[in-house]
Amino acid sequence: MLYRFRSPAGADVVMLGDTGATLLELLGREPGAQGLFKAGELPALIARLEAAVADDETRFQQSVEAARAAGEPAPKRSGISLRQRAWPLRELLQHSQREQVDVVWGV
């Protein structure tokens, strides 16, 4: 399954099902076949997404510091970080906020 996020403010953002569902949950939405982010909600949604990314990075940095303090090798990120996964959607939300247009998603 793929999620496609659309807005007149930018190019479509397409994500695999697991990634799209995770980001929707972080934004307080129930993953579903379709949905809408209203233009007025975008500032809060962007802030929520940025906070989730910052929290993810803080948790990773804490694990690095804990490993170093224990004399163990610092862990490396496996795969793609939340920041990398969220960036395209964040950009679409920001462009949509500037133009005051809604963002819709569908599968």
PDB file of N, CA and C in Angstrom:
ATOM      1  N   MET A   1       0.842  -1.170   0.000  1.00  0.00           N
ATOM      2  CA  MET A   1       0.000   0.000   0.000  1.00  0.00           C
ATOM      3  C   MET A   1       0.895   1.244   0.000  1.00  0.00           C
ATOM      4  N   LEU A   2       0.465   2.248  -0.705  1.00  0.00           N
ATOM      5  CA  LEU A   2       1.155   3.533  -0.766  1.00  0.00           C
ATOM      6  C   LEU A   2       0.229   4.635  -0.273  1.00  0.00           C
ATOM      7  N   TYR A   3       0.800   5.617   0.386  1.00  0.00           N
ATOM      8  CA  TYR A   3       0.062   6.836   0.728  1.00  0.00           C
ATOM      9  C   TYR A   3       0.529   7.931  -0.214  1.00  0.00           C
ATOM     10  N   ARG A   4      -0.423   8.685  -0.743  1.00  0.00           N
ATOM     11  CA  ARG A   4      -0.100   9.822  -1.604  1.00  0.00           C
ATOM     12  C   ARG A   4      -0.691  11.073  -0.951  1.00  0.00           C
ATOM     13  N   PHE A   5       0.188  12.023  -0.615  1.00  0.00           N
ATOM     14  CA  PHE A   5      -0.220  13.295  -0.028  1.00  0.00           C
ATOM     15  C   PHE A   5      -0.218  14.325  -1.148  1.00  0.00           C
ATOM     16  N   ARG A   6      -1.340  15.044  -1.293  1.00  0.00           N
ATOM     17  CA  ARG A   6      -1.482  15.990  -2.405  1.00  0.00           C
ATOM     18  C   ARG A   6      -1.885  17.372  -1.912  1.00  0.00           C
ATOM     19  N   SER A   7      -1.351  18.361  -2.610  1.00  0.00           N
ATOM     20  CA  SER A   7      -1.696  19.751  -2.342  1.00  0.00           C
ATOM     21  C   SER A   7      -1.412  20.558  -3.597  1.00  0.00           C
ATOM     22  N   PRO A   8      -2.230  21.586  -3.847  1.00  0.00           N
ATOM     23  CA  PRO A   8      -1.927  22.465  -4.977  1.00  0.00           C
ATOM     24  C   PRO A   8      -0.629  23.248  -4.773  1.00  0.00           C
ATOM     25  N   ALA A   9      -0.102  23.235  -3.560  1.00  0.00           N
ATOM     26  CA  ALA A   9       1.095  24.020  -3.241  1.00  0.00           C
ATOM     27  C   ALA A   9       2.397  23.328  -3.605  1.00  0.00           C
ATOM     28  N   GLY A  10       2.352  22.061  -3.976  1.00  0.00           N
ATOM     29  CA  GLY A  10       3.600  21.369  -4.278  1.00  0.00           C
ATOM     30  C   GLY A  10       3.372  20.022  -4.922  1.00  0.00           C
ATOM     31  N   ALA A  11       4.467  19.359  -5.211  1.00  0.00           N
ATOM     32  CA  ALA A  11       4.410  18.031  -5.824  1.00  0.00           C
ATOM     33  C   ALA A  11       3.859  17.015  -4.825  1.00  0.00           C
ATOM     34  N   ASP A  12       3.237  15.974  -5.352  1.00  0.00           N
ATOM     35  CA  ASP A  12       2.734  14.901  -4.507  1.00  0.00           C
ATOM     36  C   ASP A  12       3.885  14.261  -3.741  1.00  0.00           C
ATOM     37  N   VAL A  13       3.588  13.821  -2.527  1.00  0.00           N
ATOM     38  CA  VAL A  13       4.543  13.071  -1.717  1.00  0.00           C
ATOM     39  C   VAL A  13       3.980  11.661  -1.592  1.00  0.00           C
ATOM     40  N   VAL A  14       4.754  10.679  -2.018  1.00  0.00           N
ATOM     41  CA  VAL A  14       4.322   9.284  -1.987  1.00  0.00           C
ATOM     42  C   VAL A  14       5.183   8.534  -0.978  1.00  0.00           C
ATOM     43  N   MET A  15       4.514   7.763  -0.106  1.00  0.00           N
ATOM     44  CA  MET A  15       5.226   6.997   0.921  1.00  0.00           C
ATOM     45  C   MET A  15       4.677   5.589   0.979  1.00  0.00           C
ATOM     46  N   LEU A  16       5.561   4.654   1.311  1.00  0.00           N
ATOM     47  CA  LEU A  16       5.116   3.288   1.553  1.00  0.00           C
ATOM     48  C   LEU A  16       4.172   3.268   2.746  1.00  0.00           C
ATOM     49  N   GLY A  17       3.331   2.254   2.799  1.00  0.00           N
ATOM     50  CA  GLY A  17       2.287   2.174   3.807  1.00  0.00           C
ATOM     51  C   GLY A  17       2.746   2.338   5.237  1.00  0.00           C
ATOM     52  N   ASP A  18       3.804   1.618   5.645  1.00  0.00           N
ATOM     53  CA  ASP A  18       4.266   1.692   7.036  1.00  0.00           C
ATOM     54  C   ASP A  18       4.744   3.092   7.397  1.00  0.00           C
ATOM     55  N   THR A  19       5.511   3.698   6.501  1.00  0.00           N
ATOM     56  CA  THR A  19       6.032   5.044   6.760  1.00  0.00           C
ATOM     57  C   THR A  19       4.892   6.049   6.807  1.00  0.00           C
ATOM     58  N   GLY A  20       3.991   5.981   5.834  1.00  0.00           N
ATOM     59  CA  GLY A  20       2.851   6.898   5.808  1.00  0.00           C
ATOM     60  C   GLY A  20       1.986   6.759   7.047  1.00  0.00           C
ATOM     61  N   ALA A  21       1.725   5.519   7.449  1.00  0.00           N
ATOM     62  CA  ALA A  21       0.903   5.281   8.636  1.00  0.00           C
ATOM     63  C   ALA A  21       1.581   5.823   9.890  1.00  0.00           C
ATOM     64  N   THR A  22       2.885   5.619  10.012  1.00  0.00           N
ATOM     65  CA  THR A  22       3.627   6.129  11.169  1.00  0.00           C
ATOM     66  C   THR A  22       3.540   7.645  11.243  1.00  0.00           C
ATOM     67  N   LEU A  23       3.742   8.316  10.116  1.00  0.00           N
ATOM     68  CA  LEU A  23       3.691   9.781  10.117  1.00  0.00           C
ATOM     69  C   LEU A  23       2.279  10.278  10.407  1.00  0.00           C
ATOM     70  N   LEU A  24       1.272   9.610   9.878  1.00  0.00           N
ATOM     71  CA  LEU A  24      -0.105  10.012  10.188  1.00  0.00           C
ATOM     72  C   LEU A  24      -0.375   9.881  11.686  1.00  0.00           C
ATOM     73  N   GLU A  25       0.090   8.797  12.287  1.00  0.00           N
ATOM     74  CA  GLU A  25      -0.098   8.618  13.729  1.00  0.00           C
ATOM     75  C   GLU A  25       0.633   9.701  14.516  1.00  0.00           C
ATOM     76  N   LEU A  26       1.852  10.050  14.092  1.00  0.00           N
ATOM     77  CA  LEU A  26       2.588  11.127  14.764  1.00  0.00           C
ATOM     78  C   LEU A  26       1.837  12.449  14.669  1.00  0.00           C
ATOM     79  N   LEU A  27       1.079  12.619  13.595  1.00  0.00           N
ATOM     80  CA  LEU A  27       0.307  13.848  13.398  1.00  0.00           C
ATOM     81  C   LEU A  27      -1.077  13.764  14.040  1.00  0.00           C
ATOM     82  N   GLY A  28      -1.338  12.675  14.758  1.00  0.00           N
ATOM     83  CA  GLY A  28      -2.604  12.540  15.462  1.00  0.00           C
ATOM     84  C   GLY A  28      -3.757  12.091  14.592  1.00  0.00           C
ATOM     85  N   ARG A  29      -3.443  11.501  13.464  1.00  0.00           N
ATOM     86  CA  ARG A  29      -4.477  11.026  12.551  1.00  0.00           C
ATOM     87  C   ARG A  29      -4.503   9.504  12.546  1.00  0.00           C
ATOM     88  N   GLU A  30      -5.668   8.964  12.335  1.00  0.00           N
ATOM     89  CA  GLU A  30      -5.829   7.525  12.186  1.00  0.00           C
ATOM     90  C   GLU A  30      -5.453   7.164  10.753  1.00  0.00           C
ATOM     91  N   PRO A  31      -4.483   6.273  10.572  1.00  0.00           N
ATOM     92  CA  PRO A  31      -4.153   5.882   9.198  1.00  0.00           C
ATOM     93  C   PRO A  31      -5.386   5.289   8.528  1.00  0.00           C
ATOM     94  N   GLY A  32      -5.693   5.783   7.371  1.00  0.00           N
ATOM     95  CA  GLY A  32      -6.863   5.319   6.651  1.00  0.00           C
ATOM     96  C   GLY A  32      -6.698   5.519   5.171  1.00  0.00           C
ATOM     97  N   ALA A  33      -7.715   5.131   4.446  1.00  0.00           N
ATOM     98  CA  ALA A  33      -7.660   5.183   2.989  1.00  0.00           C
ATOM     99  C   ALA A  33      -7.590   6.606   2.457  1.00  0.00           C
ATOM    100  N   GLN A  34      -8.152   7.553   3.196  1.00  0.00           N
ATOM    101  CA  GLN A  34      -8.083   8.944   2.757  1.00  0.00           C
ATOM    102  C   GLN A  34      -8.295   9.871   3.941  1.00  0.00           C
ATOM    103  N   GLY A  35      -7.881  11.105   3.757  1.00  0.00           N
ATOM    104  CA  GLY A  35      -8.038  12.082   4.822  1.00  0.00           C
ATOM    105  C   GLY A  35      -7.652  13.470   4.356  1.00  0.00           C
ATOM    106  N   LEU A  36      -7.714  14.404   5.293  1.00  0.00           N
ATOM    107  CA  LEU A  36      -7.518  15.814   4.969  1.00  0.00           C
ATOM    108  C   LEU A  36      -6.821  16.518   6.125  1.00  0.00           C
ATOM    109  N   PHE A  37      -5.839  17.331   5.790  1.00  0.00           N
ATOM    110  CA  PHE A  37      -5.262  18.288   6.727  1.00  0.00           C
ATOM    111  C   PHE A  37      -5.761  19.648   6.268  1.00  0.00           C
ATOM    112  N   LYS A  38      -6.587  20.303   7.073  1.00  0.00           N
ATOM    113  CA  LYS A  38      -7.101  21.623   6.696  1.00  0.00           C
ATOM    114  C   LYS A  38      -6.008  22.673   6.844  1.00  0.00           C
ATOM    115  N   ALA A  39      -6.088  23.689   6.017  1.00  0.00           N
ATOM    116  CA  ALA A  39      -5.061  24.739   5.996  1.00  0.00           C
ATOM    117  C   ALA A  39      -4.852  25.344   7.383  1.00  0.00           C
ATOM    118  N   GLY A  40      -5.921  25.553   8.132  1.00  0.00           N
ATOM    119  CA  GLY A  40      -5.806  26.146   9.460  1.00  0.00           C
ATOM    120  C   GLY A  40      -5.104  25.261  10.475  1.00  0.00           C
ATOM    121  N   GLU A  41      -5.060  23.958  10.222  1.00  0.00           N
ATOM    122  CA  GLU A  41      -4.404  23.014  11.131  1.00  0.00           C
ATOM    123  C   GLU A  41      -2.910  22.878  10.870  1.00  0.00           C
ATOM    124  N   LEU A  42      -2.455  23.346   9.735  1.00  0.00           N
ATOM    125  CA  LEU A  42      -1.083  23.076   9.306  1.00  0.00           C
ATOM    126  C   LEU A  42      -0.004  23.573  10.268  1.00  0.00           C
ATOM    127  N   PRO A  43      -0.101  24.783  10.839  1.00  0.00           N
ATOM    128  CA  PRO A  43       0.962  25.200  11.768  1.00  0.00           C
ATOM    129  C   PRO A  43       1.137  24.227  12.943  1.00  0.00           C
ATOM    130  N   ALA A  44       0.038  23.773  13.515  1.00  0.00           N
ATOM    131  CA  ALA A  44       0.121  22.835  14.637  1.00  0.00           C
ATOM    132  C   ALA A  44       0.650  21.479  14.186  1.00  0.00           C
ATOM    133  N   LEU A  45       0.263  21.040  13.002  1.00  0.00           N
ATOM    134  CA  LEU A  45       0.739  19.757  12.487  1.00  0.00           C
ATOM    135  C   LEU A  45       2.237  19.793  12.198  1.00  0.00           C
ATOM    136  N   ILE A  46       2.698  20.896  11.631  1.00  0.00           N
ATOM    137  CA  ILE A  46       4.132  21.049  11.359  1.00  0.00           C
ATOM    138  C   ILE A  46       4.913  21.025  12.672  1.00  0.00           C
ATOM    139  N   ALA A  47       4.422  21.750  13.668  1.00  0.00           N
ATOM    140  CA  ALA A  47       5.093  21.776  14.973  1.00  0.00           C
ATOM    141  C   ALA A  47       5.119  20.381  15.596  1.00  0.00           C
ATOM    142  N   ARG A  48       4.036  19.657  15.458  1.00  0.00           N
ATOM    143  CA  ARG A  48       3.964  18.306  16.015  1.00  0.00           C
ATOM    144  C   ARG A  48       4.961  17.368  15.322  1.00  0.00           C
ATOM    145  N   LEU A  49       5.056  17.487  14.010  1.00  0.00           N
ATOM    146  CA  LEU A  49       5.994  16.661  13.253  1.00  0.00           C
ATOM    147  C   LEU A  49       7.439  17.004  13.617  1.00  0.00           C
ATOM    148  N   GLU A  50       7.735  18.289  13.712  1.00  0.00           N
ATOM    149  CA  GLU A  50       9.088  18.715  14.084  1.00  0.00           C
ATOM    150  C   GLU A  50       9.443  18.265  15.499  1.00  0.00           C
ATOM    151  N   ALA A  51       8.473  18.290  16.412  1.00  0.00           N
ATOM    152  CA  ALA A  51       8.719  17.834  17.783  1.00  0.00           C
ATOM    153  C   ALA A  51       9.009  16.334  17.812  1.00  0.00           C
ATOM    154  N   ALA A  52       8.305  15.561  17.004  1.00  0.00           N
ATOM    155  CA  ALA A  52       8.540  14.117  16.945  1.00  0.00           C
ATOM    156  C   ALA A  52       9.936  13.822  16.408  1.00  0.00           C
ATOM    157  N   VAL A  53      10.353  14.566  15.398  1.00  0.00           N
ATOM    158  CA  VAL A  53      11.698  14.388  14.837  1.00  0.00           C
ATOM    159  C   VAL A  53      12.750  14.755  15.882  1.00  0.00           C
ATOM    160  N   ALA A  54      12.553  15.873  16.568  1.00  0.00           N
ATOM    161  CA  ALA A  54      13.505  16.299  17.599  1.00  0.00           C
ATOM    162  C   ALA A  54      13.582  15.266  18.722  1.00  0.00           C
ATOM    163  N   ASP A  55      12.444  14.714  19.117  1.00  0.00           N
ATOM    164  CA  ASP A  55      12.420  13.693  20.161  1.00  0.00           C
ATOM    165  C   ASP A  55      13.182  12.445  19.717  1.00  0.00           C
ATOM    166  N   ASP A  56      12.984  12.037  18.470  1.00  0.00           N
ATOM    167  CA  ASP A  56      13.692  10.878  17.934  1.00  0.00           C
ATOM    168  C   ASP A  56      15.199  11.110  17.951  1.00  0.00           C
ATOM    169  N   GLU A  57      15.620  12.288  17.548  1.00  0.00           N
ATOM    170  CA  GLU A  57      17.051  12.600  17.527  1.00  0.00           C
ATOM    171  C   GLU A  57      17.633  12.677  18.937  1.00  0.00           C
ATOM    172  N   THR A  58      16.867  13.207  19.879  1.00  0.00           N
ATOM    173  CA  THR A  58      17.317  13.277  21.269  1.00  0.00           C
ATOM    174  C   THR A  58      17.494  11.878  21.849  1.00  0.00           C
ATOM    175  N   ARG A  59      16.513  10.997  21.595  1.00  0.00           N
ATOM    176  CA  ARG A  59      16.621   9.625  22.098  1.00  0.00           C
ATOM    177  C   ARG A  59      17.844   8.916  21.516  1.00  0.00           C
ATOM    178  N   PHE A  60      18.099   9.121  20.236  1.00  0.00           N
ATOM    179  CA  PHE A  60      19.277   8.491  19.628  1.00  0.00           C
ATOM    180  C   PHE A  60      20.558   9.044  20.238  1.00  0.00           C
ATOM    181  N   GLN A  61      20.625  10.354  20.409  1.00  0.00           N
ATOM    182  CA  GLN A  61      21.824  10.967  20.991  1.00  0.00           C
ATOM    183  C   GLN A  61      22.049  10.473  22.415  1.00  0.00           C
ATOM    184  N   GLN A  62      20.971  10.289  23.170  1.00  0.00           N
ATOM    185  CA  GLN A  62      21.101   9.760  24.527  1.00  0.00           C
ATOM    186  C   GLN A  62      21.654   8.340  24.515  1.00  0.00           C
ATOM    187  N   SER A  63      21.244   7.541  23.530  1.00  0.00           N
ATOM    188  CA  SER A  63      21.766   6.173  23.445  1.00  0.00           C
ATOM    189  C   SER A  63      23.251   6.179  23.084  1.00  0.00           C
ATOM    190  N   VAL A  64      23.667   7.135  22.262  1.00  0.00           N
ATOM    191  CA  VAL A  64      25.086   7.275  21.920  1.00  0.00           C
ATOM    192  C   VAL A  64      25.881   7.650  23.167  1.00  0.00           C
ATOM    193  N   GLU A  65      25.388   8.631  23.911  1.00  0.00           N
ATOM    194  CA  GLU A  65      26.087   9.075  25.119  1.00  0.00           C
ATOM    195  C   GLU A  65      26.140   7.973  26.173  1.00  0.00           C
ATOM    196  N   ALA A  66      25.062   7.208  26.314  1.00  0.00           N
ATOM    197  CA  ALA A  66      25.042   6.115  27.286  1.00  0.00           C
ATOM    198  C   ALA A  66      26.050   5.036  26.904  1.00  0.00           C
ATOM    199  N   ALA A  67      26.152   4.739  25.630  1.00  0.00           N
ATOM    200  CA  ALA A  67      27.117   3.733  25.172  1.00  0.00           C
ATOM    201  C   ALA A  67      28.539   4.206  25.432  1.00  0.00           C
ATOM    202  N   ARG A  68      28.810   5.454  25.138  1.00  0.00           N
ATOM    203  CA  ARG A  68      30.161   5.995  25.375  1.00  0.00           C
ATOM    204  C   ARG A  68      30.505   5.979  26.859  1.00  0.00           C
ATOM    205  N   ALA A  69      29.529   6.349  27.692  1.00  0.00           N
ATOM    206  CA  ALA A  69      29.764   6.360  29.135  1.00  0.00           C
ATOM    207  C   ALA A  69      30.043   4.954  29.660  1.00  0.00           C
ATOM    208  N   ALA A  70      29.462   3.955  29.010  1.00  0.00           N
ATOM    209  CA  ALA A  70      29.668   2.567  29.423  1.00  0.00           C
ATOM    210  C   ALA A  70      30.904   1.959  28.768  1.00  0.00           C
ATOM    211  N   GLY A  71      31.610   2.758  27.958  1.00  0.00           N
ATOM    212  CA  GLY A  71      32.805   2.261  27.287  1.00  0.00           C
ATOM    213  C   GLY A  71      32.511   1.357  26.107  1.00  0.00           C
ATOM    214  N   GLU A  72      31.308   1.429  25.603  1.00  0.00           N
ATOM    215  CA  GLU A  72      30.906   0.605  24.458  1.00  0.00           C
ATOM    216  C   GLU A  72      30.962   1.437  23.184  1.00  0.00           C
ATOM    217  N   PRO A  73      31.008   0.779  22.041  1.00  0.00           N
ATOM    218  CA  PRO A  73      30.978   1.531  20.786  1.00  0.00           C
ATOM    219  C   PRO A  73      29.639   2.261  20.636  1.00  0.00           C
ATOM    220  N   ALA A  74      29.710   3.443  20.081  1.00  0.00           N
ATOM    221  CA  ALA A  74      28.483   4.217  19.867  1.00  0.00           C
ATOM    222  C   ALA A  74      27.617   3.525  18.824  1.00  0.00           C
ATOM    223  N   PRO A  75      26.312   3.440  19.077  1.00  0.00           N
ATOM    224  CA  PRO A  75      25.431   2.815  18.088  1.00  0.00           C
ATOM    225  C   PRO A  75      25.320   3.687  16.837  1.00  0.00           C
ATOM    226  N   LYS A  76      25.037   3.039  15.749  1.00  0.00           N
ATOM    227  CA  LYS A  76      24.804   3.758  14.498  1.00  0.00           C
ATOM    228  C   LYS A  76      23.339   3.610  14.141  1.00  0.00           C
ATOM    229  N   ARG A  77      22.828   4.603  13.469  1.00  0.00           N
ATOM    230  CA  ARG A  77      21.443   4.506  13.017  1.00  0.00           C
ATOM    231  C   ARG A  77      21.341   3.407  11.972  1.00  0.00           C
ATOM    232  N   SER A  78      20.311   2.630  12.118  1.00  0.00           N
ATOM    233  CA  SER A  78      20.069   1.618  11.094  1.00  0.00           C
ATOM    234  C   SER A  78      18.934   2.118  10.207  1.00  0.00           C
ATOM    235  N   GLY A  79      19.151   2.056   8.935  1.00  0.00           N
ATOM    236  CA  GLY A  79      18.109   2.486   8.009  1.00  0.00           C
ATOM    237  C   GLY A  79      17.996   3.993   7.916  1.00  0.00           C
ATOM    238  N   ILE A  80      16.812   4.425   7.606  1.00  0.00           N
ATOM    239  CA  ILE A  80      16.535   5.836   7.348  1.00  0.00           C
ATOM    240  C   ILE A  80      15.957   6.467   8.610  1.00  0.00           C
ATOM    241  N   SER A  81      16.452   7.640   8.970  1.00  0.00           N
ATOM    242  CA  SER A  81      15.985   8.311  10.190  1.00  0.00           C
ATOM    243  C   SER A  81      14.583   8.887   9.995  1.00  0.00           C
ATOM    244  N   LEU A  82      13.944   9.170  11.116  1.00  0.00           N
ATOM    245  CA  LEU A  82      12.624   9.790  11.056  1.00  0.00           C
ATOM    246  C   LEU A  82      12.707  11.142  10.358  1.00  0.00           C
ATOM    247  N   ARG A  83      13.766  11.897  10.595  1.00  0.00           N
ATOM    248  CA  ARG A  83      13.932  13.197   9.937  1.00  0.00           C
ATOM    249  C   ARG A  83      13.902  13.032   8.415  1.00  0.00           C
ATOM    250  N   GLN A  84      14.617  12.039   7.919  1.00  0.00           N
ATOM    251  CA  GLN A  84      14.662  11.817   6.476  1.00  0.00           C
ATOM    252  C   GLN A  84      13.308  11.382   5.933  1.00  0.00           C
ATOM    253  N   ARG A  85      12.606  10.569   6.687  1.00  0.00           N
ATOM    254  CA  ARG A  85      11.292  10.097   6.234  1.00  0.00           C
ATOM    255  C   ARG A  85      10.251  11.215   6.271  1.00  0.00           C
ATOM    256  N   ALA A  86      10.339  12.068   7.276  1.00  0.00           N
ATOM    257  CA  ALA A  86       9.330  13.109   7.469  1.00  0.00           C
ATOM    258  C   ALA A  86       9.563  14.344   6.606  1.00  0.00           C
ATOM    259  N   TRP A  87      10.803  14.567   6.167  1.00  0.00           N
ATOM    260  CA  TRP A  87      11.152  15.808   5.471  1.00  0.00           C
ATOM    261  C   TRP A  87      10.249  16.133   4.277  1.00  0.00           C
ATOM    262  N   PRO A  88       9.993  15.206   3.348  1.00  0.00           N
ATOM    263  CA  PRO A  88       9.152  15.568   2.195  1.00  0.00           C
ATOM    264  C   PRO A  88       7.744  16.007   2.605  1.00  0.00           C
ATOM    265  N   LEU A  89       7.157  15.316   3.587  1.00  0.00           N
ATOM    266  CA  LEU A  89       5.825  15.704   4.039  1.00  0.00           C
ATOM    267  C   LEU A  89       5.874  17.050   4.744  1.00  0.00           C
ATOM    268  N   ARG A  90       6.894  17.270   5.542  1.00  0.00           N
ATOM    269  CA  ARG A  90       7.058  18.560   6.227  1.00  0.00           C
ATOM    270  C   ARG A  90       7.131  19.695   5.212  1.00  0.00           C
ATOM    271  N   GLU A  91       7.903  19.491   4.160  1.00  0.00           N
ATOM    272  CA  GLU A  91       8.023  20.513   3.118  1.00  0.00           C
ATOM    273  C   GLU A  91       6.674  20.792   2.460  1.00  0.00           C
ATOM    274  N   LEU A  92       5.923  19.736   2.153  1.00  0.00           N
ATOM    275  CA  LEU A  92       4.608  19.919   1.533  1.00  0.00           C
ATOM    276  C   LEU A  92       3.668  20.663   2.478  1.00  0.00           C
ATOM    277  N   LEU A  93       3.700  20.312   3.756  1.00  0.00           N
ATOM    278  CA  LEU A  93       2.860  21.006   4.737  1.00  0.00           C
ATOM    279  C   LEU A  93       3.245  22.483   4.835  1.00  0.00           C
ATOM    280  N   GLN A  94       4.541  22.778   4.820  1.00  0.00           N
ATOM    281  CA  GLN A  94       4.976  24.177   4.904  1.00  0.00           C
ATOM    282  C   GLN A  94       4.554  24.977   3.674  1.00  0.00           C
ATOM    283  N   HIS A  95       4.732  24.409   2.494  1.00  0.00           N
ATOM    284  CA  HIS A  95       4.312  25.111   1.274  1.00  0.00           C
ATOM    285  C   HIS A  95       2.798  25.331   1.284  1.00  0.00           C
ATOM    286  N   SER A  96       2.069  24.341   1.746  1.00  0.00           N
ATOM    287  CA  SER A  96       0.610  24.450   1.809  1.00  0.00           C
ATOM    288  C   SER A  96       0.184  25.501   2.822  1.00  0.00           C
ATOM    289  N   GLN A  97       0.912  25.596   3.929  1.00  0.00           N
ATOM    290  CA  GLN A  97       0.612  26.620   4.926  1.00  0.00           C
ATOM    291  C   GLN A  97       0.809  28.009   4.329  1.00  0.00           C
ATOM    292  N   ARG A  98       1.922  28.201   3.621  1.00  0.00           N
ATOM    293  CA  ARG A  98       2.194  29.507   3.012  1.00  0.00           C
ATOM    294  C   ARG A  98       1.096  29.917   2.040  1.00  0.00           C
ATOM    295  N   GLU A  99       0.587  28.948   1.296  1.00  0.00           N
ATOM    296  CA  GLU A  99      -0.444  29.248   0.300  1.00  0.00           C
ATOM    297  C   GLU A  99      -1.859  29.094   0.851  1.00  0.00           C
ATOM    298  N   GLN A 100      -1.968  28.697   2.120  1.00  0.00           N
ATOM    299  CA  GLN A 100      -3.255  28.517   2.788  1.00  0.00           C
ATOM    300  C   GLN A 100      -4.180  27.569   2.020  1.00  0.00           C
ATOM    301  N   VAL A 101      -3.632  26.389   1.690  1.00  0.00           N
ATOM    302  CA  VAL A 101      -4.419  25.363   1.006  1.00  0.00           C
ATOM    303  C   VAL A 101      -4.361  24.064   1.804  1.00  0.00           C
ATOM    304  N   ASP A 102      -5.370  23.238   1.621  1.00  0.00           N
ATOM    305  CA  ASP A 102      -5.459  21.958   2.311  1.00  0.00           C
ATOM    306  C   ASP A 102      -4.509  20.934   1.697  1.00  0.00           C
ATOM    307  N   VAL A 103      -4.224  19.904   2.485  1.00  0.00           N
ATOM    308  CA  VAL A 103      -3.463  18.747   2.015  1.00  0.00           C
ATOM    309  C   VAL A 103      -4.373  17.534   2.189  1.00  0.00           C
ATOM    310  N   VAL A 104      -4.524  16.760   1.133  1.00  0.00           N
ATOM    311  CA  VAL A 104      -5.333  15.539   1.205  1.00  0.00           C
ATOM    312  C   VAL A 104      -4.420  14.339   1.046  1.00  0.00           C
ATOM    313  N   TRP A 105      -4.857  13.203   1.575  1.00  0.00           N
ATOM    314  CA  TRP A 105      -4.101  11.986   1.348  1.00  0.00           C
ATOM    315  C   TRP A 105      -5.054  10.868   0.971  1.00  0.00           C
ATOM    316  N   GLY A 106      -4.495   9.926   0.272  1.00  0.00           N
ATOM    317  CA  GLY A 106      -5.240   8.743  -0.131  1.00  0.00           C
ATOM    318  C   GLY A 106      -4.280   7.599  -0.383  1.00  0.00           C
ATOM    319  N   VAL A 107      -4.848   6.409  -0.488  1.00  0.00           N
ATOM    320  CA  VAL A 107      -4.018   5.232  -0.775  1.00  0.00           C
ATOM    321  C   VAL A 107      -4.273   4.765  -2.183  1.00  0.00           C
TER     322      VAL A 107
END
